[in-house]
Every structure is written in structure tokens, then in C-alpha cells.
Amino acid sequence: MAHVVTCFVRNRGAILLTRRSDSVGTFADQWAGVSGYVEGDPSDADDDARRELREEVGLSESDLRLVRVGAPLDVSHDEGEFTVHPFLFETETRATSPDEVRRADERGPSTTTNEELAAVTWADPTEMRERETVPRLWDAWRHVAPTVADVREDETHGSAWIAARALEVLRDDAADADDWDSVARTARKLRDARPSMAAVSNRVNRAMATADRTPESVRERCIDLLRASFDAADGVTTAATNRLADSDATAVATISRSGTVRRVLRESDPDAVVVAESRPEREGVGVAEWAATETDARVTLTTEAALPAAFSRLDVDAAVVGADAVLPDGGVVNKTGTTGLALAAREAGVPVYAVATCDKVRPTGEDGVGDESSGWADVYDGEASLSVFAPTFEATAPTLLDGVVTEAGFADEADVRDIAEEHAENAAWDDAGG
């Protein structure tokens, strides 16, 4: 049995599909991922996957980030028997033609195809079910696609990323579902997976509340909302960058690993960036390393305890933080240490802006912080009889913030309340048990 790789490349929720040309030996004129034969050890086909991506669509190592290697699956067909090794990669590339290359310059390099491919297109993954594809392509996708467990257990990405994955899970399950009840069960699991991350439950609730009571309608709403979520992230970046420019901010302090904050730092191009370490998991170290590599700023890594001194000695003139959730009163739930940063900023007379999409606002009536905690062993792993208080998240009062910047612009407390009421209305889809 021959071993082959099938590579799914994802960008902004869509994946790159390729139509095989007449020059290939099998499955000509059918849609596939980026695929090819395994030339080495089938148990370690990573090199084969990257070779095919480079040769078939011109994506190099620097263009790609490996997300997942899926369990192999067997395919039996008149044209042969194969063991398929599925891979999922993430890329910022989104160009498949000269016109798209010109429009997509800011997202990364273009894809260029070889003679084995007749066409390439970016499409929602569920379109595989409607196209003439190589055998079991949808099954291969499901072997690497996000799951409820991914949403619940991800400790690497920020809430915007995780919320996008939640919509993908709901979309894919809706595509496979035969009835509304099974879709609703998945929605409830996703809604409850990350209690501190309002964007996850809000997006799932919006999909369910605004869809007809059919799986197909939920699938379509998830696709629309996923696209809208990426547009919203772009809008927040623009609004926050403009806010910093209006404030004449050239030295910016931050904490934790917000993807939105990273985009703001890249676009606003400050002269200096100060990043708090973010105890106990120290994810701020990675943010500082990213800023040192991806921006032209002078980057300083500090501890939360040293932030008051950093604001004065390093001439910080603005602070930008992300938000796992925005509370209905205008406060934010974010990584523990955010309140300390805000207090240090207030003492130094420096404005503090939280940046978040509207989907991160908690519905009216939901004011809690959530109970997610981790990294306690990083604080103390000795044998003394003592307890450790090291919460992952905390609430920062609205009085310590100068405001919340959303895709709609600067939001005051009244704006936040209106958004919270809308989210509460969407959450009511499940009031009667779905």
C-alpha cells in the first residue's frame, strides 16, 4: 500500500484546495489538498509534506506553521490503495493569481503552482463535501480539524484565535449533522468550554440564535461569522493604531499574549515596547521575543513587580492590553497582572486602552471572572503545608482604563452596555433547552 501526504493549508478560516491536472497518475481533475507520495519513513512524513507544499504551491518553511499531524487513514479505490497522512498548516499567504497577489501583498508571499495542478482556490472546508474530490478528502480534513477538546484545552493562543476555532468546530459538526439537536449539543459544549473567554460563547450563541433551526443554516452562519470575525480583528487593529497615533504614543507597555495587541504593535510601529513577564506561565517572554524579531522597536522585558519603575525610567507613554472578556460595566477580564499594570500607568499619568472585538463583551448579567487556573506548580512545588493563590485571570475595573477600543472605534461604558444586551439576547436561544 502506497503512503501519501495530504496537506491542508488554512488562512483566515479557509483552506487551499487544488485541482489535480491531467499530468498526474491518479485522480486527475479531482479536488484535493496539497498531496504527494511519502518518500521516507511513513511514520515521519513531515519532510514529505513540506516538500510537496514547496514544489506544488511554492510555500516555503517561513510561510508555514504546522498546526497538527492527523492520524493516518486508509483509502481503497479502483485507482489504487493508499495510506493518507493528513497535515494542517497555517499561513498568512492568500494569493493564487496575479490579481490576488497584488491584493494580498500585506498578507504574505503568493502561492505559485506547478504542472501537477490545474487550479487552486481558497474555500471553506465544508465545500469539500460538494466538490468532486479525491476519495475520503473530507475524512482526512476531520482528522486534523479543530475539536471541542482543542477549544477547551488550548493554553497557547489568545481568545480570538480560540473563538475562531470554536466556529470551525460548530461549522464542521453542522455539516455532518442530520438534525438540529446534535448541532445544539455541540454548541453547548463549545459555549461552556472556556468560561473566561466571552468571544467563544458569544460567537457560538450568535450562530445559533441567528440561524434557522437546521444544520445547514448553522453551517452557513458559522462561515459568515468566521469571515466577519477576521474583519473585526482588522478593524480593532486599525482603530487602536489610530488611537495611539492620536495620543502621540511612541513607547507602549503591555502584558500577556494577546494576538490583537501584537497586530497593534506591528501596525503602530512604536519606538519602544515594554512587555511584562506574565507570571506564573511567563508567556510575556515569548511576546517580547516576537516584538524583538517582528518590529523595529527597542524591546524591554520586565516583571509585573517592576512595572511602576519601568513606566518612569523607560518613559512609557501608553499601555495597551488585550481582553479575554469585556465586562458589561466596561471593565475587562484579562491575564492576572493587568490590574497592576493599570495602577502603575495611572500613577504615571499614562493612558491604558483595552483592545477587543465586540464579541468579547460579556452578556448582561455575566460579570464573573471564570475559574480557569494553571501554572500553580510554577509558583511553588515544595513540600511545605501552604496554599498557592495564582489565578490565571482577573477583573480590572473600568475606572483604571481609559476605555475599550473595538472594531467600531472607541467604546464608552454606555456603548459596552448596549453590546452586552445584544449578546444576552443571542444567548437566549437555549433558554428552553435548544
Protein backbone atom coordinates (compact mmCIF):
# COMPACT_ATOMS: atom_id res chain seq x y z
CA MET A 1 0.00 0.00 0.00
CA ALA A 2 1.43 3.40 -1.02
CA HIS A 3 1.78 6.16 1.57
CA VAL A 4 0.83 9.74 0.66
CA VAL A 5 0.61 13.08 2.44
CA THR A 6 -2.39 15.39 2.21
CA CYS A 7 -1.67 18.92 3.41
CA PHE A 8 -4.44 21.34 4.34
CA VAL A 9 -3.25 24.95 4.42
CA ARG A 10 -5.50 27.34 6.38
CA ASN A 11 -5.75 31.11 6.18
CA ARG A 12 -8.48 33.19 7.81
CA GLY A 13 -10.69 30.13 8.19
CA ALA A 14 -10.43 29.00 4.55
CA ILE A 15 -8.22 26.22 3.19
CA LEU A 16 -6.30 25.88 -0.05
CA LEU A 17 -7.89 23.33 -2.40
CA THR A 18 -6.08 22.12 -5.51
CA ARG A 19 -7.48 20.52 -8.66
CA ARG A 20 -5.21 17.81 -9.98
CA SER A 21 -4.13 18.13 -13.62
CA ASP A 22 -4.06 15.53 -16.41
CA SER A 23 -0.32 15.08 -15.85
CA VAL A 24 -0.77 13.19 -12.57
CA GLY A 25 -1.09 9.43 -12.47
CA THR A 26 -4.21 9.19 -10.28
CA PHE A 27 -7.46 11.08 -9.66
CA ALA A 28 -6.98 13.58 -12.49
CA ASP A 29 -9.29 16.60 -12.49
CA GLN A 30 -10.37 15.97 -8.89
CA TRP A 31 -10.01 18.38 -5.97
CA ALA A 32 -7.56 17.63 -3.18
CA GLY A 33 -5.30 19.21 -0.64
CA VAL A 34 -1.62 19.59 -1.46
CA SER A 35 -0.58 15.96 -1.80
CA GLY A 36 2.20 13.63 -2.88
CA TYR A 37 3.94 10.37 -2.16
CA VAL A 38 5.90 9.69 1.03
CA GLU A 39 9.50 9.00 0.04
CA GLY A 40 10.89 8.35 3.52
CA ASP A 41 9.68 6.71 6.70
CA PRO A 42 5.83 6.84 6.72
CA SER A 43 5.87 7.39 10.48
CA ASP A 44 7.74 10.66 9.94
CA ALA A 45 6.27 12.23 6.81
CA ASP A 46 6.79 15.87 7.85
CA ASP A 47 9.59 16.40 5.33
CA ASP A 48 7.44 14.96 2.56
CA ALA A 49 4.59 17.29 3.46
CA ARG A 50 6.82 20.36 3.38
CA ARG A 51 8.43 19.24 0.10
CA GLU A 52 5.04 18.96 -1.59
CA LEU A 53 3.97 22.38 -0.31
CA ARG A 54 7.17 23.88 -1.66
CA GLU A 55 7.04 22.13 -5.03
CA GLU A 56 3.31 22.30 -5.76
CA VAL A 57 2.29 25.72 -4.45
CA GLY A 58 5.57 27.48 -3.66
CA LEU A 59 5.10 27.72 0.10
CA SER A 60 8.40 27.65 1.96
CA GLU A 61 9.23 26.85 5.57
CA SER A 62 8.97 30.52 6.54
CA ASP A 63 5.43 30.76 5.11
CA LEU A 64 4.02 27.93 7.20
CA ARG A 65 3.29 26.94 10.76
CA LEU A 66 2.45 23.30 11.47
CA VAL A 67 -0.77 23.05 13.47
CA ARG A 68 -1.48 19.32 13.58
CA VAL A 69 -0.49 15.93 12.22
CA GLY A 70 -3.58 13.73 11.97
CA ALA A 71 -3.95 10.00 12.37
CA PRO A 72 -3.41 8.16 9.05
CA LEU A 73 -6.41 6.76 7.20
CA ASP A 74 -6.64 4.07 4.52
CA VAL A 75 -8.19 4.64 1.10
CA SER A 76 -9.18 1.79 -1.21
CA HIS A 77 -10.13 2.70 -4.78
CA ASP A 78 -10.03 1.36 -8.32
CA GLU A 79 -7.02 3.62 -8.92
CA GLY A 80 -5.07 2.16 -6.02
CA GLU A 81 -4.80 1.63 -2.29
CA PHE A 82 -3.25 4.35 -0.15
CA THR A 83 -2.50 5.28 3.44
CA VAL A 84 -3.11 9.01 3.75
CA HIS A 85 -1.14 11.06 6.27
CA PRO A 86 -3.04 14.35 6.84
CA PHE A 87 -1.37 17.59 7.94
CA LEU A 88 -2.77 21.00 8.85
CA PHE A 89 -0.65 24.12 8.36
CA GLU A 90 -1.42 27.79 9.00
CA THR A 91 -0.19 30.52 6.65
CA GLU A 92 -0.60 34.24 6.06
CA THR A 93 -0.47 33.65 2.31
CA ARG A 94 -3.76 34.07 0.48
CA ALA A 95 -2.86 34.59 -3.20
CA THR A 96 -3.49 32.23 -6.11
CA SER A 97 -3.44 34.53 -9.16
CA PRO A 98 -1.60 37.72 -10.27
CA ASP A 99 -4.60 39.89 -9.32
CA GLU A 100 -4.87 38.26 -5.90
CA VAL A 101 -1.12 38.63 -5.43
CA ARG A 102 -1.46 42.39 -5.80
CA ARG A 103 -4.39 42.49 -3.38
CA ALA A 104 -2.74 40.19 -0.86
CA ASP A 105 0.73 41.74 -0.62
CA GLU A 106 0.23 42.67 3.02
CA ARG A 107 -0.73 39.09 3.96
CA GLY A 108 2.42 37.44 2.70
CA PRO A 109 4.03 35.90 -0.38
CA SER A 110 2.00 34.42 -3.23
CA THR A 111 1.34 30.77 -3.96
CA THR A 112 2.70 29.53 -7.28
CA THR A 113 1.67 26.19 -8.73
CA ASN A 114 3.46 23.52 -10.78
CA GLU A 115 2.29 21.33 -13.68
CA GLU A 116 0.60 18.79 -11.37
CA LEU A 117 -2.19 21.26 -10.57
CA ALA A 118 -4.83 22.53 -12.97
CA ALA A 119 -6.27 25.06 -10.50
CA VAL A 120 -6.10 26.24 -6.90
CA THR A 121 -8.68 28.08 -4.82
CA TRP A 122 -9.29 29.20 -1.25
CA ALA A 123 -12.56 27.75 0.03
CA ASP A 124 -14.41 26.95 3.20
CA PRO A 125 -13.52 23.37 4.19
CA THR A 126 -17.14 22.22 4.07
CA GLU A 127 -17.15 22.87 0.31
CA MET A 128 -15.20 19.63 0.00
CA ARG A 129 -18.50 17.83 0.55
CA GLU A 130 -19.94 19.48 -2.56
CA ARG A 131 -16.98 19.09 -4.95
CA GLU A 132 -15.66 16.08 -6.83
CA THR A 133 -12.68 15.27 -4.65
CA VAL A 134 -10.13 12.53 -4.23
CA PRO A 135 -11.51 9.72 -2.05
CA ARG A 136 -12.07 10.48 1.64
CA LEU A 137 -10.78 14.06 1.47
CA TRP A 138 -13.40 15.24 3.98
CA ASP A 139 -12.44 12.40 6.33
CA ALA A 140 -8.79 13.48 6.08
CA TRP A 141 -9.80 17.03 6.99
CA ARG A 142 -11.71 15.83 10.02
CA HIS A 143 -8.54 14.07 11.21
CA VAL A 144 -6.79 17.47 11.57
CA ALA A 145 -9.72 19.87 12.02
CA PRO A 146 -10.30 21.63 15.38
CA THR A 147 -12.29 19.81 18.07
CA VAL A 148 -14.17 20.76 21.22
CA ALA A 149 -11.18 19.47 23.20
CA ASP A 150 -8.90 21.88 21.31
CA VAL A 151 -11.13 24.80 22.29
CA ARG A 152 -11.27 23.66 25.91
CA GLU A 153 -7.58 22.84 26.37
CA ASP A 154 -5.67 25.38 24.26
CA GLU A 155 -3.19 27.21 26.50
CA THR A 156 -1.10 28.70 23.70
CA HIS A 157 -3.36 31.10 21.82
CA GLY A 158 -5.47 34.11 22.74
CA SER A 159 -9.25 34.16 22.89
CA ALA A 160 -9.74 35.50 19.34
CA TRP A 161 -7.88 32.51 17.90
CA ILE A 162 -9.73 30.04 20.11
CA ALA A 163 -13.11 31.60 19.28
CA ALA A 164 -12.37 31.20 15.57
CA ARG A 165 -11.64 27.53 16.16
CA ALA A 166 -14.95 27.20 18.04
CA LEU A 167 -16.84 28.45 14.99
CA GLU A 168 -14.94 25.97 12.83
CA VAL A 169 -15.91 23.09 15.12
CA LEU A 170 -19.57 24.09 15.06
CA ARG A 171 -19.48 24.57 11.27
CA ASP A 172 -17.95 21.14 10.63
CA ASP A 173 -20.28 19.34 13.03
CA ALA A 174 -23.25 21.09 11.44
CA ALA A 175 -22.06 19.92 8.01
CA ASP A 176 -22.10 16.32 9.26
CA ALA A 177 -25.26 16.56 11.36
CA ASP A 178 -28.65 15.13 10.45
CA ASP A 179 -30.69 17.11 12.96
CA TRP A 180 -30.78 20.31 14.99
CA ASP A 181 -30.44 18.60 18.36
CA SER A 182 -26.99 17.21 17.59
CA VAL A 183 -25.80 20.66 16.47
CA ALA A 184 -27.21 22.17 19.66
CA ARG A 185 -25.30 19.65 21.76
CA THR A 186 -22.04 20.68 20.11
CA ALA A 187 -22.94 24.34 20.59
CA ARG A 188 -23.50 23.84 24.31
CA LYS A 189 -20.17 22.05 24.72
CA LEU A 190 -18.36 24.87 22.94
CA ARG A 191 -20.25 27.57 24.81
CA ASP A 192 -19.20 26.06 28.14
CA ALA A 193 -15.63 25.11 27.16
CA ARG A 194 -13.94 28.40 28.08
CA PRO A 195 -15.93 30.28 30.72
CA SER A 196 -13.49 33.20 30.88
CA MET A 197 -13.45 33.77 27.10
CA ALA A 198 -16.58 35.66 26.16
CA ALA A 199 -15.80 35.58 22.44
CA VAL A 200 -16.20 31.80 22.35
CA SER A 201 -19.71 31.69 23.81
CA ASN A 202 -20.83 34.92 22.10
CA ARG A 203 -19.91 33.69 18.63
CA VAL A 204 -21.47 30.30 19.18
CA ASN A 205 -24.62 31.90 20.61
CA ARG A 206 -24.85 34.31 17.68
CA ALA A 207 -24.58 31.46 15.18
CA MET A 208 -27.34 29.51 16.91
CA ALA A 209 -29.60 32.49 17.55
CA THR A 210 -29.48 33.88 14.02
CA ALA A 211 -29.73 30.56 12.14
CA ASP A 212 -32.87 28.71 11.17
CA ARG A 213 -33.31 25.51 13.14
CA THR A 214 -31.45 23.42 10.58
CA PRO A 215 -27.86 22.15 10.48
CA GLU A 216 -27.31 23.72 7.05
CA SER A 217 -28.34 27.15 8.30
CA VAL A 218 -25.94 26.87 11.25
CA ARG A 219 -23.14 25.88 8.89
CA GLU A 220 -23.79 28.93 6.71
CA ARG A 221 -23.97 31.27 9.70
CA CYS A 222 -20.67 29.93 11.05
CA ILE A 223 -18.98 30.62 7.72
CA ASP A 224 -20.34 34.18 7.66
CA LEU A 225 -19.42 34.85 11.28
CA LEU A 226 -15.94 33.41 10.85
CA ARG A 227 -15.26 35.80 7.98
CA ALA A 228 -16.75 38.66 9.98
CA SER A 229 -14.53 37.82 12.97
CA PHE A 230 -11.37 38.28 10.91
CA ASP A 231 -12.69 41.55 9.52
CA ALA A 232 -13.47 42.66 13.07
CA ALA A 233 -9.91 41.88 14.17
CA ASP A 234 -8.64 44.04 11.31
CA GLY A 235 -10.99 46.81 12.41
CA VAL A 236 -9.78 46.72 16.00
CA THR A 237 -6.18 46.92 14.82
CA THR A 238 -6.92 49.99 12.72
CA ALA A 239 -8.93 51.72 15.46
CA ALA A 240 -6.30 51.07 18.15
CA THR A 241 -3.44 52.14 15.88
CA ASN A 242 -5.25 55.39 15.19
CA ARG A 243 -5.88 55.89 18.90
CA LEU A 244 -2.19 55.52 19.71
CA ALA A 245 -1.29 57.90 16.88
CA ASP A 246 -3.75 60.49 18.22
CA SER A 247 -2.12 60.08 21.66
CA ASP A 248 1.37 60.58 20.17
CA ALA A 249 2.41 57.36 21.87
CA THR A 250 5.92 56.19 20.99
CA ALA A 251 6.66 53.86 23.92
CA VAL A 252 3.98 51.23 24.68
CA ALA A 253 3.69 48.78 27.57
CA THR A 254 1.68 45.55 27.50
CA ILE A 255 1.17 42.24 29.26
CA SER A 256 0.36 38.66 28.22
CA ARG A 257 -0.04 37.25 24.71
CA SER A 258 -2.98 38.95 23.02
CA GLY A 259 -2.90 38.43 19.26
CA THR A 260 -4.79 41.71 18.84
CA VAL A 261 -2.13 43.59 20.79
CA ARG A 262 0.57 42.06 18.62
CA ARG A 263 -1.15 43.31 15.48
CA VAL A 264 -1.50 46.76 17.01
CA LEU A 265 2.20 46.85 17.91
CA ARG A 266 3.15 45.79 14.40
CA GLU A 267 0.92 48.39 12.74
CA SER A 268 1.54 51.30 15.14
CA ASP A 269 5.33 50.85 14.94
CA PRO A 270 6.29 52.41 18.32
CA ASP A 271 9.89 53.32 19.09
CA ALA A 272 9.88 51.21 22.26
CA VAL A 273 7.88 48.30 23.68
CA VAL A 274 7.85 47.16 27.33
CA VAL A 275 6.45 43.69 27.97
CA ALA A 276 5.64 42.30 31.42
CA GLU A 277 6.78 38.73 32.03
CA SER A 278 3.27 37.46 32.93
CA ARG A 279 3.68 35.23 35.94
CA PRO A 280 3.30 32.36 36.55
CA GLU A 281 3.45 30.98 32.98
CA ARG A 282 5.80 33.68 31.66
CA GLU A 283 4.13 33.90 28.25
CA GLY A 284 5.26 37.53 28.11
CA VAL A 285 8.74 36.24 27.33
CA GLY A 286 7.52 34.89 24.02
CA VAL A 287 5.74 38.17 23.27
CA ALA A 288 8.94 40.11 23.93
CA GLU A 289 10.89 37.77 21.66
CA TRP A 290 8.26 38.20 18.96
CA ALA A 291 8.40 42.00 19.24
CA ALA A 292 12.20 41.98 19.06
CA THR A 293 12.00 39.93 15.86
CA GLU A 294 8.91 41.32 14.13
CA THR A 295 9.07 45.05 14.94
CA ASP A 296 11.73 47.77 14.81
CA ALA A 297 11.08 48.80 18.41
CA ARG A 298 13.53 48.71 21.29
CA VAL A 299 12.07 45.89 23.38
CA THR A 300 12.37 45.56 27.15
CA LEU A 301 11.15 42.56 29.11
CA THR A 302 10.28 43.28 32.72
CA THR A 303 8.35 41.76 35.62
CA GLU A 304 4.97 42.85 36.89
CA ALA A 305 6.63 43.93 40.14
CA ALA A 306 8.96 46.26 38.23
CA LEU A 307 6.26 47.92 36.11
CA PRO A 308 5.98 51.09 38.24
CA ALA A 309 9.70 51.70 37.81
CA ALA A 310 9.53 50.80 34.12
CA PHE A 311 6.84 53.41 33.43
CA SER A 312 9.02 56.20 34.78
CA ARG A 313 12.53 55.10 33.81
CA LEU A 314 11.64 53.86 30.31
CA ASP A 315 9.36 56.82 29.52
CA VAL A 316 6.31 54.70 28.69
CA ASP A 317 3.54 56.93 27.34
CA ALA A 318 0.72 54.42 26.67
CA ALA A 319 -0.37 50.95 27.74
CA VAL A 320 -2.34 48.52 25.58
CA VAL A 321 -3.82 45.29 26.90
CA GLY A 322 -5.97 42.60 25.38
CA ALA A 323 -9.09 41.19 26.96
CA ASP A 324 -10.35 37.67 27.30
CA ALA A 325 -13.64 39.35 28.11
CA VAL A 326 -15.05 42.86 28.48
CA LEU A 327 -17.50 43.14 31.37
CA PRO A 328 -20.86 44.86 30.89
CA ASP A 329 -19.69 47.75 33.10
CA GLY A 330 -16.66 48.44 30.86
CA GLY A 331 -14.07 46.58 32.93
CA VAL A 332 -12.04 43.77 31.44
CA VAL A 333 -11.12 40.21 32.35
CA ASN A 334 -7.55 39.56 31.31
CA LYS A 335 -4.38 37.84 32.45
CA THR A 336 -3.56 38.41 36.11
CA GLY A 337 -1.19 41.36 36.29
CA THR A 338 -3.36 43.62 34.16
CA THR A 339 -4.63 45.49 37.22
CA GLY A 340 -1.08 46.03 38.42
CA LEU A 341 -0.11 47.42 35.03
CA ALA A 342 -3.15 49.72 35.04
CA LEU A 343 -2.35 51.00 38.54
CA ALA A 344 1.24 51.70 37.55
CA ALA A 345 0.02 53.51 34.44
CA ARG A 346 -2.43 55.64 36.44
CA GLU A 347 0.31 56.62 38.88
CA ALA A 348 2.49 57.66 35.93
CA GLY A 349 -0.35 59.54 34.19
CA VAL A 350 -0.29 57.16 31.22
CA PRO A 351 -3.48 56.14 29.34
CA VAL A 352 -4.50 52.47 29.32
CA TYR A 353 -6.51 51.08 26.42
CA ALA A 354 -8.07 47.62 26.24
CA VAL A 355 -8.36 46.35 22.67
CA ALA A 356 -11.06 43.80 21.87
CA THR A 357 -13.70 42.96 19.32
CA CYS A 358 -17.33 43.49 20.29
CA ASP A 359 -17.74 39.71 20.57
CA LYS A 360 -15.59 39.79 23.69
CA VAL A 361 -18.18 41.78 25.67
CA ARG A 362 -19.91 39.58 28.26
CA PRO A 363 -23.70 39.40 28.02
CA THR A 364 -25.67 41.41 30.54
CA GLY A 365 -25.81 39.50 33.82
CA GLU A 366 -22.47 37.70 33.35
CA ASP A 367 -19.91 39.52 35.46
CA GLY A 368 -17.71 36.70 36.77
CA VAL A 369 -14.04 36.18 36.05
CA GLY A 370 -14.24 32.43 35.48
CA ASP A 371 -12.32 29.74 37.26
CA GLU A 372 -9.53 28.84 34.82
CA SER A 373 -6.22 28.46 36.65
CA SER A 374 -2.93 26.90 35.70
CA GLY A 375 0.76 27.13 36.38
CA TRP A 376 0.48 26.86 40.15
CA ALA A 377 3.44 24.49 40.25
CA ASP A 378 5.50 27.24 38.62
CA VAL A 379 4.93 29.33 41.74
CA TYR A 380 5.65 26.66 44.35
CA ASP A 381 6.26 22.92 44.08
CA GLY A 382 7.78 22.33 47.52
CA GLU A 383 6.52 20.18 50.36
CA ALA A 384 5.56 22.81 52.95
CA SER A 385 1.94 22.92 54.09
CA LEU A 386 0.84 26.05 52.26
CA SER A 387 -1.65 27.04 49.60
CA VAL A 388 -0.93 28.89 46.37
CA PHE A 389 -3.09 31.67 45.00
CA ALA A 390 -2.14 32.09 41.35
CA PRO A 391 -5.28 32.74 39.27
CA THR A 392 -4.85 32.91 35.54
CA PHE A 393 -7.34 35.75 35.06
CA GLU A 394 -8.51 38.78 36.99
CA ALA A 395 -11.02 41.59 36.54
CA THR A 396 -9.66 45.11 36.06
CA ALA A 397 -12.11 47.87 36.98
CA PRO A 398 -13.29 50.33 34.32
CA THR A 399 -12.04 53.20 36.47
CA LEU A 400 -8.48 52.03 35.77
CA LEU A 401 -8.97 52.06 32.00
CA ASP A 402 -9.25 54.97 29.61
CA GLY A 403 -11.62 52.90 27.53
CA VAL A 404 -12.11 49.92 25.24
CA VAL A 405 -11.19 50.10 21.56
CA THR A 406 -13.35 47.87 19.34
CA GLU A 407 -13.77 47.44 15.58
CA ALA A 408 -16.45 50.16 15.82
CA GLY A 409 -13.99 52.58 17.42
CA PHE A 410 -13.68 53.85 20.98
CA ALA A 411 -16.43 52.40 23.19
CA ASP A 412 -17.52 54.12 26.38
CA GLU A 413 -19.47 52.42 29.18
CA ALA A 414 -22.85 53.06 27.52
CA ASP A 415 -21.65 51.51 24.26
CA VAL A 416 -20.42 48.44 26.14
CA ARG A 417 -23.77 48.06 27.92
CA ASP A 418 -25.62 48.09 24.58
CA ILE A 419 -23.35 45.40 23.18
CA ALA A 420 -23.80 43.31 26.34
CA GLU A 421 -27.58 43.46 26.00
CA GLU A 422 -27.40 42.25 22.39
CA HIS A 423 -25.24 39.29 23.43
CA ALA A 424 -27.73 38.43 26.19
CA GLU A 425 -30.50 38.30 23.60
CA ASN A 426 -28.44 35.89 21.46
CA ALA A 427 -27.74 33.67 24.47
CA ALA A 428 -31.48 33.15 24.93
CA TRP A 429 -31.55 30.65 22.00
CA ASP A 430 -31.04 27.91 24.59
CA ASP A 431 -33.42 29.15 27.29
CA ALA A 432 -35.82 26.30 26.57
CA GLY A 433 -33.07 23.71 26.18
CA GLY A 434 -32.46 24.34 22.46
